[in-house]
Amino acid sequence: MSETTERRTTADEITAAVALHVRALRTGRGWSLDELSGRSSVSKGMLVQIEAARTNPSIGTLARIAEAFGVTVARLLQPAADRTVHLSDIQDAPILWQGGRGGAGRLLRNVNDPNVVELWDWRFAPNERYESEEHQPGTREMAHVLVGEILITVDGESYPVKAGQTLDFRSDRFHTYRNTTDAPARLIMVVTVPPGDDRRMPRQR
């Protein structure tokens, strides 16, 4: 199988997983497509396309659907049948945040067994920021800066984190990531969430 075909297969698997989870969550709650549309502000036509695995929805659309269900976006992306060993390529990882200056956040891998654990790759253009509201109580984030410097503000207190340094903090409070320099920055982030799906969705800027 060629590399292009493998990537297309991975994208198809993600689309199929989203379709399965959206349909299962909706029917499990006894909601009609119209009700989910009203709760999520996503059109009924788009929901039909998503549940039929005929479209790859944007992060904004996924965030609205996840918020309507009270689950994380990662929950909607979780493979339907997980494997004991999983190898993936960074190019296959979905981009779930795009900054206005060219930065991006990729969800490299997520598991729900039983805690939610997410592995992210974040790249910030100069003078770019990501702002997030508080997550579910007990959620932690560990950010390891690979390139440049990131100013992380947690509950009003700021911490400059340089390349080679790691900041571990409770993210069940308002927090921001900012590249205040004129050079690009990159970090790897691990997010751990206790069992339960009521984590509040982040605000993206």
N, C-alpha and C. Protein backbone atom coordinates (compact mmCIF):
# COMPACT_ATOMS: atom_id res chain seq x y z
N MET A 1 0.85 -1.19 0.00
CA MET A 1 0.00 0.00 0.00
C MET A 1 0.88 1.25 0.00
N SER A 2 0.60 2.22 -0.87
CA SER A 2 1.40 3.43 -0.95
C SER A 2 1.16 4.33 0.24
N GLU A 3 2.09 5.29 0.46
CA GLU A 3 1.95 6.23 1.58
C GLU A 3 0.68 7.06 1.43
N THR A 4 0.39 7.50 0.19
CA THR A 4 -0.83 8.29 -0.04
C THR A 4 -2.07 7.49 0.30
N THR A 5 -2.08 6.21 -0.09
CA THR A 5 -3.22 5.36 0.20
C THR A 5 -3.38 5.14 1.69
N GLU A 6 -2.24 4.96 2.39
CA GLU A 6 -2.30 4.77 3.84
C GLU A 6 -2.88 5.99 4.54
N ARG A 7 -2.47 7.18 4.10
CA ARG A 7 -2.99 8.39 4.72
C ARG A 7 -4.47 8.57 4.43
N ARG A 8 -4.88 8.21 3.20
CA ARG A 8 -6.29 8.30 2.86
C ARG A 8 -7.09 7.35 3.74
N THR A 9 -6.53 6.16 3.98
CA THR A 9 -7.20 5.18 4.83
C THR A 9 -7.35 5.71 6.25
N THR A 10 -6.29 6.35 6.78
CA THR A 10 -6.36 6.91 8.12
C THR A 10 -7.42 7.99 8.19
N ALA A 11 -7.49 8.87 7.19
CA ALA A 11 -8.50 9.93 7.16
C ALA A 11 -9.90 9.31 7.11
N ASP A 12 -10.04 8.26 6.33
CA ASP A 12 -11.33 7.58 6.24
C ASP A 12 -11.72 6.96 7.58
N GLU A 13 -10.72 6.42 8.30
CA GLU A 13 -11.00 5.83 9.61
C GLU A 13 -11.48 6.89 10.61
N ILE A 14 -10.86 8.07 10.55
CA ILE A 14 -11.29 9.16 11.43
C ILE A 14 -12.71 9.59 11.10
N THR A 15 -12.99 9.74 9.81
CA THR A 15 -14.35 10.12 9.39
C THR A 15 -15.37 9.07 9.85
N ALA A 16 -15.01 7.79 9.72
CA ALA A 16 -15.91 6.71 10.14
C ALA A 16 -16.11 6.72 11.65
N ALA A 17 -15.03 7.00 12.40
CA ALA A 17 -15.14 7.05 13.86
C ALA A 17 -16.07 8.17 14.30
N VAL A 18 -15.92 9.35 13.69
CA VAL A 18 -16.79 10.48 14.03
C VAL A 18 -18.24 10.13 13.73
N ALA A 19 -18.47 9.52 12.57
CA ALA A 19 -19.84 9.13 12.20
C ALA A 19 -20.43 8.18 13.22
N LEU A 20 -19.65 7.19 13.63
CA LEU A 20 -20.13 6.19 14.58
C LEU A 20 -20.47 6.82 15.93
N HIS A 21 -19.57 7.67 16.44
CA HIS A 21 -19.76 8.25 17.77
C HIS A 21 -20.91 9.25 17.79
N VAL A 22 -21.01 10.08 16.75
CA VAL A 22 -22.10 11.07 16.71
C VAL A 22 -23.44 10.36 16.67
N ARG A 23 -23.54 9.35 15.82
CA ARG A 23 -24.80 8.62 15.69
C ARG A 23 -25.14 7.89 16.99
N ALA A 24 -24.13 7.26 17.61
CA ALA A 24 -24.37 6.51 18.85
C ALA A 24 -24.75 7.44 20.00
N LEU A 25 -24.08 8.57 20.12
CA LEU A 25 -24.40 9.52 21.19
C LEU A 25 -25.78 10.12 21.00
N ARG A 26 -26.12 10.42 19.76
CA ARG A 26 -27.43 11.02 19.49
C ARG A 26 -28.57 10.03 19.77
N THR A 27 -28.44 8.82 19.23
CA THR A 27 -29.51 7.84 19.44
C THR A 27 -29.57 7.38 20.89
N GLY A 28 -28.40 7.34 21.55
CA GLY A 28 -28.39 6.95 22.95
C GLY A 28 -29.13 7.92 23.84
N ARG A 29 -29.19 9.17 23.43
CA ARG A 29 -29.93 10.19 24.19
C ARG A 29 -31.35 10.33 23.70
N GLY A 30 -31.69 9.60 22.64
CA GLY A 30 -33.04 9.69 22.11
C GLY A 30 -33.31 10.98 21.37
N TRP A 31 -32.26 11.61 20.83
CA TRP A 31 -32.42 12.86 20.12
C TRP A 31 -32.64 12.62 18.63
N SER A 32 -33.45 13.45 18.04
CA SER A 32 -33.60 13.44 16.60
C SER A 32 -32.48 14.29 16.00
N LEU A 33 -32.31 14.22 14.70
CA LEU A 33 -31.33 15.07 14.03
C LEU A 33 -31.68 16.54 14.22
N ASP A 34 -32.98 16.83 14.21
CA ASP A 34 -33.41 18.21 14.41
C ASP A 34 -33.02 18.71 15.80
N GLU A 35 -33.15 17.85 16.82
CA GLU A 35 -32.81 18.27 18.18
C GLU A 35 -31.31 18.50 18.31
N LEU A 36 -30.50 17.60 17.76
CA LEU A 36 -29.06 17.80 17.81
C LEU A 36 -28.66 19.06 17.05
N SER A 37 -29.31 19.30 15.94
CA SER A 37 -29.03 20.51 15.18
C SER A 37 -29.32 21.76 16.00
N GLY A 38 -30.45 21.74 16.72
CA GLY A 38 -30.80 22.89 17.55
C GLY A 38 -29.83 23.08 18.70
N ARG A 39 -29.39 21.99 19.30
CA ARG A 39 -28.49 22.07 20.45
C ARG A 39 -27.07 22.47 20.05
N SER A 40 -26.66 22.09 18.84
CA SER A 40 -25.27 22.30 18.43
C SER A 40 -25.08 23.47 17.47
N SER A 41 -26.17 23.98 16.90
CA SER A 41 -26.10 25.03 15.87
C SER A 41 -25.38 24.54 14.62
N VAL A 42 -25.43 23.22 14.39
CA VAL A 42 -24.91 22.62 13.17
C VAL A 42 -26.11 22.21 12.33
N SER A 43 -26.10 22.53 11.05
CA SER A 43 -27.27 22.26 10.22
C SER A 43 -27.60 20.76 10.16
N LYS A 44 -28.88 20.47 9.98
CA LYS A 44 -29.31 19.08 9.88
C LYS A 44 -28.64 18.40 8.69
N GLY A 45 -28.49 19.13 7.59
CA GLY A 45 -27.85 18.55 6.41
C GLY A 45 -26.41 18.15 6.69
N MET A 46 -25.70 18.99 7.42
CA MET A 46 -24.32 18.65 7.77
C MET A 46 -24.27 17.43 8.68
N LEU A 47 -25.20 17.35 9.64
CA LEU A 47 -25.25 16.20 10.54
C LEU A 47 -25.52 14.91 9.78
N VAL A 48 -26.39 14.98 8.78
CA VAL A 48 -26.67 13.80 7.95
C VAL A 48 -25.40 13.36 7.24
N GLN A 49 -24.65 14.33 6.70
CA GLN A 49 -23.40 14.01 6.01
C GLN A 49 -22.38 13.39 6.98
N ILE A 50 -22.31 13.94 8.20
CA ILE A 50 -21.36 13.43 9.19
C ILE A 50 -21.71 12.01 9.59
N GLU A 51 -22.97 11.75 9.89
CA GLU A 51 -23.37 10.42 10.34
C GLU A 51 -23.26 9.38 9.24
N ALA A 52 -23.26 9.83 8.01
CA ALA A 52 -23.10 8.90 6.88
C ALA A 52 -21.64 8.76 6.47
N ALA A 53 -20.74 9.43 7.22
CA ALA A 53 -19.30 9.39 6.94
C ALA A 53 -19.00 9.88 5.54
N ARG A 54 -19.72 10.91 5.11
CA ARG A 54 -19.50 11.47 3.77
C ARG A 54 -18.77 12.81 3.79
N THR A 55 -18.36 13.26 5.00
CA THR A 55 -17.65 14.53 5.08
C THR A 55 -16.69 14.50 6.25
N ASN A 56 -15.66 15.31 6.16
CA ASN A 56 -14.69 15.47 7.23
C ASN A 56 -14.93 16.83 7.88
N PRO A 57 -15.70 16.89 8.98
CA PRO A 57 -16.09 18.20 9.55
C PRO A 57 -14.91 18.96 10.12
N SER A 58 -15.06 20.28 10.15
CA SER A 58 -14.02 21.15 10.70
C SER A 58 -13.99 21.03 12.21
N ILE A 59 -12.92 21.53 12.83
CA ILE A 59 -12.81 21.49 14.28
C ILE A 59 -13.92 22.33 14.93
N GLY A 60 -14.30 23.42 14.28
CA GLY A 60 -15.39 24.24 14.82
C GLY A 60 -16.69 23.46 14.88
N THR A 61 -16.98 22.72 13.83
CA THR A 61 -18.19 21.89 13.79
C THR A 61 -18.12 20.79 14.84
N LEU A 62 -16.96 20.12 14.93
CA LEU A 62 -16.80 19.06 15.93
C LEU A 62 -16.93 19.61 17.35
N ALA A 63 -16.38 20.80 17.57
CA ALA A 63 -16.45 21.39 18.91
C ALA A 63 -17.90 21.68 19.30
N ARG A 64 -18.69 22.18 18.36
CA ARG A 64 -20.10 22.48 18.67
C ARG A 64 -20.89 21.20 18.95
N ILE A 65 -20.60 20.14 18.18
CA ILE A 65 -21.29 18.87 18.40
C ILE A 65 -20.88 18.26 19.73
N ALA A 66 -19.57 18.29 20.01
CA ALA A 66 -19.07 17.73 21.27
C ALA A 66 -19.66 18.48 22.46
N GLU A 67 -19.73 19.81 22.34
CA GLU A 67 -20.27 20.60 23.44
C GLU A 67 -21.74 20.28 23.67
N ALA A 68 -22.49 20.04 22.59
CA ALA A 68 -23.90 19.69 22.73
C ALA A 68 -24.07 18.36 23.48
N PHE A 69 -23.17 17.42 23.24
CA PHE A 69 -23.23 16.13 23.93
C PHE A 69 -22.58 16.17 25.31
N GLY A 70 -21.75 17.20 25.57
CA GLY A 70 -21.03 17.25 26.84
C GLY A 70 -19.84 16.32 26.87
N VAL A 71 -19.20 16.13 25.70
CA VAL A 71 -18.02 15.27 25.61
C VAL A 71 -16.88 16.06 25.00
N THR A 72 -15.69 15.46 24.95
CA THR A 72 -14.54 16.10 24.33
C THR A 72 -14.52 15.83 22.82
N VAL A 73 -13.83 16.70 22.10
CA VAL A 73 -13.61 16.44 20.68
C VAL A 73 -12.85 15.14 20.50
N ALA A 74 -11.89 14.89 21.40
CA ALA A 74 -11.11 13.65 21.31
C ALA A 74 -12.01 12.42 21.38
N ARG A 75 -13.08 12.50 22.14
CA ARG A 75 -14.02 11.37 22.23
C ARG A 75 -14.63 11.07 20.87
N LEU A 76 -14.94 12.10 20.11
CA LEU A 76 -15.54 11.90 18.79
C LEU A 76 -14.54 11.33 17.79
N LEU A 77 -13.25 11.53 18.05
CA LEU A 77 -12.21 11.06 17.13
C LEU A 77 -11.67 9.69 17.50
N GLN A 78 -12.05 9.18 18.66
CA GLN A 78 -11.51 7.90 19.14
C GLN A 78 -11.83 6.79 18.15
N PRO A 79 -10.82 6.02 17.71
CA PRO A 79 -11.08 4.92 16.78
C PRO A 79 -12.13 3.96 17.33
N ALA A 80 -12.99 3.48 16.45
CA ALA A 80 -14.08 2.60 16.88
C ALA A 80 -13.54 1.31 17.50
N ALA A 81 -12.50 0.76 16.92
CA ALA A 81 -11.91 -0.47 17.45
C ALA A 81 -10.43 -0.21 17.68
N ASP A 82 -10.06 0.09 18.92
CA ASP A 82 -8.68 0.42 19.23
C ASP A 82 -7.81 -0.83 19.19
N ARG A 83 -6.52 -0.60 18.94
CA ARG A 83 -5.57 -1.71 18.87
C ARG A 83 -4.61 -1.63 20.04
N THR A 84 -4.04 -2.78 20.40
CA THR A 84 -3.08 -2.82 21.49
C THR A 84 -1.85 -2.00 21.17
N VAL A 85 -1.39 -2.07 19.93
CA VAL A 85 -0.24 -1.30 19.47
C VAL A 85 -0.68 -0.45 18.30
N HIS A 86 -0.33 0.84 18.34
CA HIS A 86 -0.79 1.75 17.29
C HIS A 86 0.38 2.62 16.85
N LEU A 87 0.72 2.58 15.57
CA LEU A 87 1.76 3.42 15.00
C LEU A 87 1.12 4.41 14.04
N SER A 88 1.45 5.70 14.22
CA SER A 88 0.85 6.71 13.34
C SER A 88 1.90 7.73 12.94
N ASP A 89 1.62 8.45 11.88
CA ASP A 89 2.51 9.46 11.34
C ASP A 89 1.95 10.84 11.65
N ILE A 90 2.83 11.80 11.94
CA ILE A 90 2.37 13.13 12.30
C ILE A 90 1.53 13.76 11.19
N GLN A 91 1.83 13.41 9.94
CA GLN A 91 1.06 13.98 8.83
C GLN A 91 -0.38 13.48 8.82
N ASP A 92 -0.64 12.37 9.49
CA ASP A 92 -2.00 11.84 9.55
C ASP A 92 -2.81 12.42 10.71
N ALA A 93 -2.12 13.10 11.64
CA ALA A 93 -2.80 13.63 12.82
C ALA A 93 -3.66 14.82 12.44
N PRO A 94 -4.91 14.85 12.89
CA PRO A 94 -5.81 15.96 12.54
C PRO A 94 -5.35 17.27 13.18
N ILE A 95 -5.45 18.34 12.42
CA ILE A 95 -5.16 19.69 12.94
C ILE A 95 -6.45 20.22 13.57
N LEU A 96 -6.45 20.39 14.88
CA LEU A 96 -7.66 20.81 15.58
C LEU A 96 -7.62 22.27 16.01
N TRP A 97 -6.50 22.92 15.78
CA TRP A 97 -6.42 24.36 16.02
C TRP A 97 -5.51 24.98 14.99
N GLN A 98 -5.95 26.09 14.40
CA GLN A 98 -5.12 26.84 13.47
C GLN A 98 -5.09 28.29 13.91
N GLY A 99 -3.90 28.80 14.18
CA GLY A 99 -3.76 30.17 14.60
C GLY A 99 -3.89 31.14 13.43
N GLY A 100 -4.16 32.37 13.75
CA GLY A 100 -4.34 33.37 12.71
C GLY A 100 -3.06 33.74 11.99
N ARG A 101 -1.90 33.34 12.55
CA ARG A 101 -0.62 33.70 11.95
C ARG A 101 0.11 32.50 11.34
N GLY A 102 -0.56 31.34 11.32
CA GLY A 102 0.06 30.17 10.69
C GLY A 102 0.39 29.04 11.63
N GLY A 103 0.20 29.21 12.93
CA GLY A 103 0.45 28.14 13.88
C GLY A 103 -0.61 27.05 13.78
N ALA A 104 -0.34 25.92 14.42
CA ALA A 104 -1.29 24.80 14.35
C ALA A 104 -1.11 23.88 15.55
N GLY A 105 -2.20 23.26 15.95
CA GLY A 105 -2.18 22.26 17.00
C GLY A 105 -2.70 20.94 16.46
N ARG A 106 -1.87 19.90 16.51
CA ARG A 106 -2.26 18.57 16.01
C ARG A 106 -2.47 17.62 17.18
N LEU A 107 -3.57 16.89 17.15
CA LEU A 107 -3.81 15.84 18.12
C LEU A 107 -3.13 14.58 17.60
N LEU A 108 -1.95 14.27 18.14
CA LEU A 108 -1.18 13.13 17.65
C LEU A 108 -1.82 11.80 18.01
N ARG A 109 -2.37 11.72 19.22
CA ARG A 109 -2.95 10.46 19.67
C ARG A 109 -3.80 10.72 20.90
N ASN A 110 -4.90 10.01 21.04
CA ASN A 110 -5.72 10.09 22.26
C ASN A 110 -6.25 8.71 22.60
N VAL A 111 -6.34 8.42 23.90
CA VAL A 111 -6.89 7.16 24.38
C VAL A 111 -7.88 7.44 25.50
N ASN A 112 -8.80 6.53 25.69
CA ASN A 112 -9.78 6.61 26.78
C ASN A 112 -9.78 5.27 27.51
N ASP A 113 -8.84 5.06 28.41
CA ASP A 113 -8.68 3.72 28.98
C ASP A 113 -8.08 3.74 30.40
N PRO A 114 -8.84 4.07 31.47
CA PRO A 114 -10.16 4.69 31.45
C PRO A 114 -10.08 6.20 31.40
N ASN A 115 -8.92 6.78 31.81
CA ASN A 115 -8.77 8.23 31.73
C ASN A 115 -8.54 8.65 30.29
N VAL A 116 -8.92 9.88 29.98
CA VAL A 116 -8.60 10.44 28.68
C VAL A 116 -7.17 10.96 28.73
N VAL A 117 -6.35 10.53 27.77
CA VAL A 117 -4.98 11.03 27.64
C VAL A 117 -4.80 11.49 26.20
N GLU A 118 -4.35 12.73 26.02
CA GLU A 118 -4.15 13.28 24.69
C GLU A 118 -2.69 13.70 24.52
N LEU A 119 -2.13 13.41 23.34
CA LEU A 119 -0.78 13.83 23.00
C LEU A 119 -0.88 14.81 21.84
N TRP A 120 -0.35 16.02 22.04
CA TRP A 120 -0.48 17.09 21.05
C TRP A 120 0.88 17.59 20.58
N ASP A 121 0.91 18.07 19.34
CA ASP A 121 2.05 18.80 18.80
C ASP A 121 1.56 20.21 18.47
N TRP A 122 2.14 21.22 19.12
CA TRP A 122 1.71 22.62 18.92
C TRP A 122 2.86 23.42 18.31
N ARG A 123 2.53 24.22 17.31
CA ARG A 123 3.50 25.10 16.68
C ARG A 123 2.90 26.51 16.64
N PHE A 124 3.65 27.46 17.19
CA PHE A 124 3.20 28.83 17.28
C PHE A 124 4.05 29.74 16.40
N ALA A 125 3.39 30.53 15.59
CA ALA A 125 4.09 31.56 14.84
C ALA A 125 4.46 32.69 15.80
N PRO A 126 5.35 33.58 15.41
CA PRO A 126 5.69 34.71 16.28
C PRO A 126 4.45 35.50 16.70
N ASN A 127 4.39 35.85 17.97
CA ASN A 127 3.32 36.68 18.53
C ASN A 127 1.93 36.07 18.34
N GLU A 128 1.86 34.75 18.48
CA GLU A 128 0.59 34.04 18.36
C GLU A 128 0.21 33.44 19.70
N ARG A 129 -1.09 33.25 19.94
CA ARG A 129 -1.52 32.72 21.23
C ARG A 129 -2.69 31.77 21.06
N TYR A 130 -2.84 30.92 22.06
CA TYR A 130 -3.99 30.01 22.17
C TYR A 130 -4.59 30.21 23.56
N GLU A 131 -5.87 30.43 23.61
CA GLU A 131 -6.56 30.74 24.86
C GLU A 131 -7.59 29.66 25.17
N SER A 132 -7.60 29.17 26.40
CA SER A 132 -8.50 28.08 26.76
C SER A 132 -9.19 28.35 28.09
N GLU A 133 -10.47 28.04 28.15
CA GLU A 133 -11.17 28.10 29.42
C GLU A 133 -10.81 26.87 30.25
N GLU A 134 -11.29 26.84 31.48
CA GLU A 134 -10.96 25.72 32.36
C GLU A 134 -11.58 24.42 31.86
N HIS A 135 -10.85 23.31 32.06
CA HIS A 135 -11.33 22.00 31.69
C HIS A 135 -11.99 21.34 32.90
N GLN A 136 -12.34 20.07 32.72
CA GLN A 136 -12.96 19.31 33.80
C GLN A 136 -12.07 19.29 35.03
N PRO A 137 -12.65 19.37 36.24
CA PRO A 137 -11.83 19.32 37.47
C PRO A 137 -10.88 18.12 37.48
N GLY A 138 -9.63 18.39 37.84
CA GLY A 138 -8.63 17.33 37.89
C GLY A 138 -7.81 17.18 36.63
N THR A 139 -8.16 17.92 35.56
CA THR A 139 -7.41 17.84 34.32
C THR A 139 -6.03 18.47 34.49
N ARG A 140 -5.00 17.84 33.92
CA ARG A 140 -3.64 18.37 33.97
C ARG A 140 -3.10 18.49 32.55
N GLU A 141 -2.20 19.45 32.36
CA GLU A 141 -1.49 19.58 31.10
C GLU A 141 0.00 19.61 31.39
N MET A 142 0.78 18.93 30.57
CA MET A 142 2.23 18.95 30.65
C MET A 142 2.76 19.43 29.32
N ALA A 143 3.40 20.59 29.33
CA ALA A 143 3.88 21.20 28.09
C ALA A 143 5.40 21.20 28.09
N HIS A 144 5.99 20.54 27.10
CA HIS A 144 7.45 20.50 26.95
C HIS A 144 7.81 21.28 25.70
N VAL A 145 8.55 22.38 25.89
CA VAL A 145 8.92 23.24 24.76
C VAL A 145 10.13 22.66 24.04
N LEU A 146 9.99 22.47 22.74
CA LEU A 146 11.06 21.92 21.91
C LEU A 146 11.88 23.02 21.24
N VAL A 147 11.19 24.07 20.81
CA VAL A 147 11.85 25.16 20.08
C VAL A 147 11.30 26.49 20.59
N GLY A 148 12.19 27.46 20.81
CA GLY A 148 11.76 28.80 21.19
C GLY A 148 11.35 28.92 22.64
N GLU A 149 10.40 29.79 22.90
CA GLU A 149 9.92 30.05 24.26
C GLU A 149 8.43 30.34 24.23
N ILE A 150 7.71 29.77 25.18
CA ILE A 150 6.27 29.98 25.29
C ILE A 150 5.95 30.55 26.67
N LEU A 151 5.13 31.58 26.70
CA LEU A 151 4.67 32.14 27.96
C LEU A 151 3.31 31.51 28.27
N ILE A 152 3.27 30.70 29.33
CA ILE A 152 2.03 30.02 29.72
C ILE A 152 1.46 30.72 30.95
N THR A 153 0.23 31.17 30.84
CA THR A 153 -0.44 31.86 31.94
C THR A 153 -1.53 30.95 32.50
N VAL A 154 -1.47 30.68 33.79
CA VAL A 154 -2.43 29.80 34.45
C VAL A 154 -3.10 30.58 35.58
N ASP A 155 -4.39 30.80 35.44
CA ASP A 155 -5.15 31.48 36.49
C ASP A 155 -4.52 32.82 36.86
N GLY A 156 -4.06 33.55 35.83
CA GLY A 156 -3.54 34.89 36.04
C GLY A 156 -2.06 35.00 36.30
N GLU A 157 -1.36 33.88 36.52
CA GLU A 157 0.07 33.91 36.78
C GLU A 157 0.83 33.34 35.58
N SER A 158 1.86 34.07 35.13
CA SER A 158 2.57 33.71 33.90
C SER A 158 3.89 33.01 34.19
N TYR A 159 4.22 32.03 33.32
CA TYR A 159 5.44 31.25 33.45
C TYR A 159 6.14 31.18 32.09
N PRO A 160 7.31 31.81 31.93
CA PRO A 160 8.05 31.66 30.67
C PRO A 160 8.71 30.28 30.63
N VAL A 161 8.44 29.51 29.58
CA VAL A 161 8.97 28.16 29.45
C VAL A 161 9.85 28.12 28.21
N LYS A 162 11.13 27.82 28.39
CA LYS A 162 12.09 27.83 27.30
C LYS A 162 12.31 26.42 26.76
N ALA A 163 12.97 26.35 25.61
CA ALA A 163 13.28 25.06 24.99
C ALA A 163 14.02 24.17 25.98
N GLY A 164 13.55 22.94 26.12
CA GLY A 164 14.14 21.99 27.06
C GLY A 164 13.46 21.98 28.41
N GLN A 165 12.51 22.89 28.64
CA GLN A 165 11.81 22.94 29.91
C GLN A 165 10.38 22.41 29.77
N THR A 166 9.85 21.90 30.88
CA THR A 166 8.49 21.34 30.92
C THR A 166 7.70 22.01 32.02
N LEU A 167 6.48 22.42 31.72
CA LEU A 167 5.58 22.97 32.72
C LEU A 167 4.40 22.03 32.91
N ASP A 168 4.18 21.62 34.14
CA ASP A 168 3.08 20.71 34.51
C ASP A 168 2.12 21.51 35.37
N PHE A 169 0.83 21.56 34.98
CA PHE A 169 -0.11 22.38 35.74
C PHE A 169 -1.53 21.85 35.65
N ARG A 170 -2.33 22.25 36.63
CA ARG A 170 -3.76 21.94 36.61
C ARG A 170 -4.43 22.86 35.60
N SER A 171 -5.09 22.27 34.61
CA SER A 171 -5.73 23.08 33.57
C SER A 171 -7.24 23.16 33.76
N ASP A 172 -7.70 22.91 35.00
CA ASP A 172 -9.12 23.11 35.30
C ASP A 172 -9.35 24.55 35.72
N ARG A 173 -8.60 25.45 35.11
CA ARG A 173 -8.72 26.89 35.32
C ARG A 173 -8.29 27.58 34.02
N PHE A 174 -8.66 28.83 33.87
CA PHE A 174 -8.37 29.56 32.65
C PHE A 174 -6.86 29.60 32.40
N HIS A 175 -6.43 29.34 31.14
CA HIS A 175 -5.01 29.35 30.83
C HIS A 175 -4.78 29.72 29.36
N THR A 176 -3.60 30.25 29.10
CA THR A 176 -3.25 30.65 27.74
C THR A 176 -1.81 30.23 27.43
N TYR A 177 -1.57 29.99 26.14
CA TYR A 177 -0.22 29.75 25.62
C TYR A 177 0.08 30.90 24.66
N ARG A 178 1.22 31.57 24.86
CA ARG A 178 1.56 32.70 24.01
C ARG A 178 3.03 32.65 23.59
N ASN A 179 3.24 32.85 22.31
CA ASN A 179 4.60 33.05 21.81
C ASN A 179 4.79 34.56 21.72
N THR A 180 5.50 35.12 22.67
CA THR A 180 5.68 36.58 22.71
C THR A 180 6.94 37.03 21.98
N THR A 181 7.63 36.09 21.33
CA THR A 181 8.88 36.41 20.64
C THR A 181 8.65 36.60 19.14
N ASP A 182 9.71 36.96 18.45
CA ASP A 182 9.65 37.14 17.00
C ASP A 182 10.13 35.90 16.24
N ALA A 183 10.28 34.79 16.95
CA ALA A 183 10.73 33.54 16.33
C ALA A 183 9.67 32.45 16.55
N PRO A 184 9.58 31.46 15.67
CA PRO A 184 8.62 30.36 15.85
C PRO A 184 8.90 29.58 17.13
N ALA A 185 7.88 28.92 17.64
CA ALA A 185 8.03 28.09 18.83
C ALA A 185 7.23 26.80 18.63
N ARG A 186 7.69 25.74 19.29
CA ARG A 186 7.02 24.45 19.17
C ARG A 186 7.04 23.74 20.51
N LEU A 187 5.96 23.06 20.83
CA LEU A 187 5.92 22.29 22.08
C LEU A 187 5.12 21.01 21.89
N ILE A 188 5.43 20.05 22.75
CA ILE A 188 4.66 18.81 22.84
C ILE A 188 3.84 18.90 24.12
N MET A 189 2.56 18.57 24.04
CA MET A 189 1.68 18.67 25.19
C MET A 189 0.99 17.33 25.47
N VAL A 190 0.93 16.97 26.74
CA VAL A 190 0.16 15.81 27.17
C VAL A 190 -0.96 16.32 28.08
N VAL A 191 -2.18 15.92 27.77
CA VAL A 191 -3.35 16.30 28.58
C VAL A 191 -3.93 15.04 29.19
N THR A 192 -4.16 15.06 30.50
CA THR A 192 -4.79 13.92 31.17
C THR A 192 -6.09 14.40 31.81
N VAL A 193 -7.15 13.67 31.55
CA VAL A 193 -8.48 14.03 32.04
C VAL A 193 -9.05 12.86 32.82
N PRO A 194 -9.55 13.09 34.05
CA PRO A 194 -10.16 12.00 34.83
C PRO A 194 -11.36 11.42 34.10
N PRO A 195 -11.79 10.21 34.46
CA PRO A 195 -12.97 9.63 33.83
C PRO A 195 -14.15 10.58 33.91
N GLY A 196 -14.93 10.63 32.82
CA GLY A 196 -16.08 11.54 32.74
C GLY A 196 -15.93 12.37 31.49
N ASP A 197 -17.05 12.73 30.90
CA ASP A 197 -17.03 13.39 29.60
C ASP A 197 -17.55 14.82 29.63
N ASP A 198 -17.54 15.46 30.79
CA ASP A 198 -18.16 16.77 30.86
C ASP A 198 -17.13 17.89 30.83
N ARG A 199 -15.98 17.65 30.21
CA ARG A 199 -14.98 18.69 30.11
C ARG A 199 -15.50 19.82 29.25
N ARG A 200 -15.29 21.07 29.69
CA ARG A 200 -15.72 22.22 28.93
C ARG A 200 -14.83 22.38 27.71
N MET A 201 -15.42 22.85 26.62
CA MET A 201 -14.67 23.00 25.39
C MET A 201 -13.79 24.24 25.46
N PRO A 202 -12.60 24.19 24.84
CA PRO A 202 -11.71 25.35 24.86
C PRO A 202 -12.20 26.45 23.93
N ARG A 203 -11.80 27.68 24.23
CA ARG A 203 -12.07 28.80 23.36
C ARG A 203 -10.83 28.99 22.51
N GLN A 204 -10.99 29.05 21.20
CA GLN A 204 -9.85 29.07 20.30
C GLN A 204 -9.72 30.43 19.66
N ARG A 205 -8.46 30.94 19.67
CA ARG A 205 -8.18 32.25 19.05
C ARG A 205 -6.86 32.20 18.33
